[in-house]
Amino acid sequence: MKKILRVKEQTRFPMVLVGNQIDRDSERQVDMNEGFKWASARNIPFFEASAFKRLNISEIFEQAVREVHIVI
């Protein structure tokens, strides 16, 4: 995140944090609460997703578009 903001020379840039492959719970490396706290501390929307189960895929892209409109 810091690198993106530095390269873009911005203090805010449209971002969405996504925890992927939540259908593989036994292989989880980051707890959902940890992801949510990290994103909340940076004022970024957080989603967990599974392409395999088609969970939250459309919602993530819709939120990304909303984030772009907020920054513009």
C-alpha atoms as a PDB file:
ATOM      1  CA  MET A   1       0.000   0.000   0.000  1.00  0.00           C
ATOM      2  CA  LYS A   2       2.804   2.407   0.901  1.00  0.00           C
ATOM      3  CA  LYS A   3       4.547   1.709  -2.398  1.00  0.00           C
ATOM      4  CA  ILE A   4       1.391   2.309  -4.415  1.00  0.00           C
ATOM      5  CA  LEU A   5       0.727   5.608  -2.664  1.00  0.00           C
ATOM      6  CA  ARG A   6       4.353   6.682  -3.091  1.00  0.00           C
ATOM      7  CA  VAL A   7       4.471   5.794  -6.800  1.00  0.00           C
ATOM      8  CA  LYS A   8       1.122   7.482  -7.436  1.00  0.00           C
ATOM      9  CA  GLU A   9       2.208  10.459  -5.313  1.00  0.00           C
ATOM     10  CA  GLN A  10      -1.157  10.347  -3.530  1.00  0.00           C
ATOM     11  CA  THR A  11      -2.374  10.118   0.042  1.00  0.00           C
ATOM     12  CA  ARG A  12      -5.465   8.163  -1.067  1.00  0.00           C
ATOM     13  CA  PHE A  13      -5.865   5.762  -3.951  1.00  0.00           C
ATOM     14  CA  PRO A  14      -8.785   3.420  -4.721  1.00  0.00           C
ATOM     15  CA  MET A  15      -8.084   0.030  -3.154  1.00  0.00           C
ATOM     16  CA  VAL A  16      -9.948  -3.027  -1.947  1.00  0.00           C
ATOM     17  CA  LEU A  17      -8.315  -5.717   0.203  1.00  0.00           C
ATOM     18  CA  VAL A  18      -9.343  -9.262  -0.734  1.00  0.00           C
ATOM     19  CA  GLY A  19      -8.691 -12.467   1.164  1.00  0.00           C
ATOM     20  CA  ASN A  20      -8.804 -15.127  -1.541  1.00  0.00           C
ATOM     21  CA  GLN A  21      -9.520 -18.870  -1.527  1.00  0.00           C
ATOM     22  CA  ILE A  22     -11.604 -18.843   1.642  1.00  0.00           C
ATOM     23  CA  ASP A  23     -12.999 -22.228   0.596  1.00  0.00           C
ATOM     24  CA  ARG A  24      -9.603 -23.657   1.615  1.00  0.00           C
ATOM     25  CA  ASP A  25     -10.023 -22.881   5.305  1.00  0.00           C
ATOM     26  CA  SER A  26      -7.480 -25.461   6.495  1.00  0.00           C
ATOM     27  CA  GLU A  27      -4.771 -23.609   4.540  1.00  0.00           C
ATOM     28  CA  ARG A  28      -5.688 -20.138   5.835  1.00  0.00           C
ATOM     29  CA  GLN A  29      -2.676 -17.922   6.489  1.00  0.00           C
ATOM     30  CA  VAL A  30      -4.493 -14.775   7.636  1.00  0.00           C
ATOM     31  CA  ASP A  31      -7.437 -14.755  10.006  1.00  0.00           C
ATOM     32  CA  MET A  32     -10.541 -12.934   8.760  1.00  0.00           C
ATOM     33  CA  ASN A  33     -10.480 -10.608  11.777  1.00  0.00           C
ATOM     34  CA  GLU A  34      -6.840  -9.753  11.135  1.00  0.00           C
ATOM     35  CA  GLY A  35      -7.632  -8.815   7.530  1.00  0.00           C
ATOM     36  CA  PHE A  36     -10.632  -6.771   8.593  1.00  0.00           C
ATOM     37  CA  LYS A  37      -8.649  -4.894  11.264  1.00  0.00           C
ATOM     38  CA  TRP A  38      -5.807  -4.156   8.838  1.00  0.00           C
ATOM     39  CA  ALA A  39      -8.204  -2.828   6.200  1.00  0.00           C
ATOM     40  CA  SER A  40     -10.270  -0.853   8.714  1.00  0.00           C
ATOM     41  CA  ALA A  41      -7.178   0.847  10.101  1.00  0.00           C
ATOM     42  CA  ARG A  42      -6.426   2.073   6.579  1.00  0.00           C
ATOM     43  CA  ASN A  43     -10.017   2.885   5.619  1.00  0.00           C
ATOM     44  CA  ILE A  44     -10.070   0.230   2.879  1.00  0.00           C
ATOM     45  CA  PRO A  45     -12.995  -2.111   2.191  1.00  0.00           C
ATOM     46  CA  PHE A  46     -12.264  -5.761   3.001  1.00  0.00           C
ATOM     47  CA  PHE A  47     -13.783  -8.856   1.416  1.00  0.00           C
ATOM     48  CA  GLU A  48     -13.130 -12.544   1.589  1.00  0.00           C
ATOM     49  CA  ALA A  49     -13.654 -14.380  -1.674  1.00  0.00           C
ATOM     50  CA  SER A  50     -13.718 -17.735  -3.360  1.00  0.00           C
ATOM     51  CA  ALA A  51     -13.579 -17.912  -7.124  1.00  0.00           C
ATOM     52  CA  PHE A  52     -14.272 -21.654  -6.851  1.00  0.00           C
ATOM     53  CA  LYS A  53     -17.548 -21.028  -4.989  1.00  0.00           C
ATOM     54  CA  ARG A  54     -18.164 -17.710  -6.781  1.00  0.00           C
ATOM     55  CA  LEU A  55     -18.366 -15.965  -3.421  1.00  0.00           C
ATOM     56  CA  ASN A  56     -18.161 -12.140  -3.358  1.00  0.00           C
ATOM     57  CA  ILE A  57     -16.647 -11.866  -6.838  1.00  0.00           C
ATOM     58  CA  SER A  58     -19.164  -9.375  -8.230  1.00  0.00           C
ATOM     59  CA  GLU A  59     -19.304  -7.463  -4.933  1.00  0.00           C
ATOM     60  CA  ILE A  60     -15.543  -6.928  -4.967  1.00  0.00           C
ATOM     61  CA  PHE A  61     -15.549  -5.439  -8.458  1.00  0.00           C
ATOM     62  CA  GLU A  62     -18.592  -3.302  -7.686  1.00  0.00           C
ATOM     63  CA  GLN A  63     -16.855  -1.950  -4.571  1.00  0.00           C
ATOM     64  CA  ALA A  64     -13.680  -1.265  -6.547  1.00  0.00           C
ATOM     65  CA  VAL A  65     -15.699   0.869  -8.963  1.00  0.00           C
ATOM     66  CA  ARG A  66     -17.311   2.707  -6.029  1.00  0.00           C
ATOM     67  CA  GLU A  67     -13.846   3.382  -4.583  1.00  0.00           C
ATOM     68  CA  VAL A  68     -12.724   4.898  -7.884  1.00  0.00           C
ATOM     69  CA  HIS A  69     -15.750   7.212  -7.863  1.00  0.00           C
ATOM     70  CA  ILE A  70     -15.035   8.276  -4.272  1.00  0.00           C
ATOM     71  CA  VAL A  71     -11.471   9.331  -5.106  1.00  0.00           C
ATOM     72  CA  ILE A  72     -12.304  11.117  -8.347  1.00  0.00           C
END
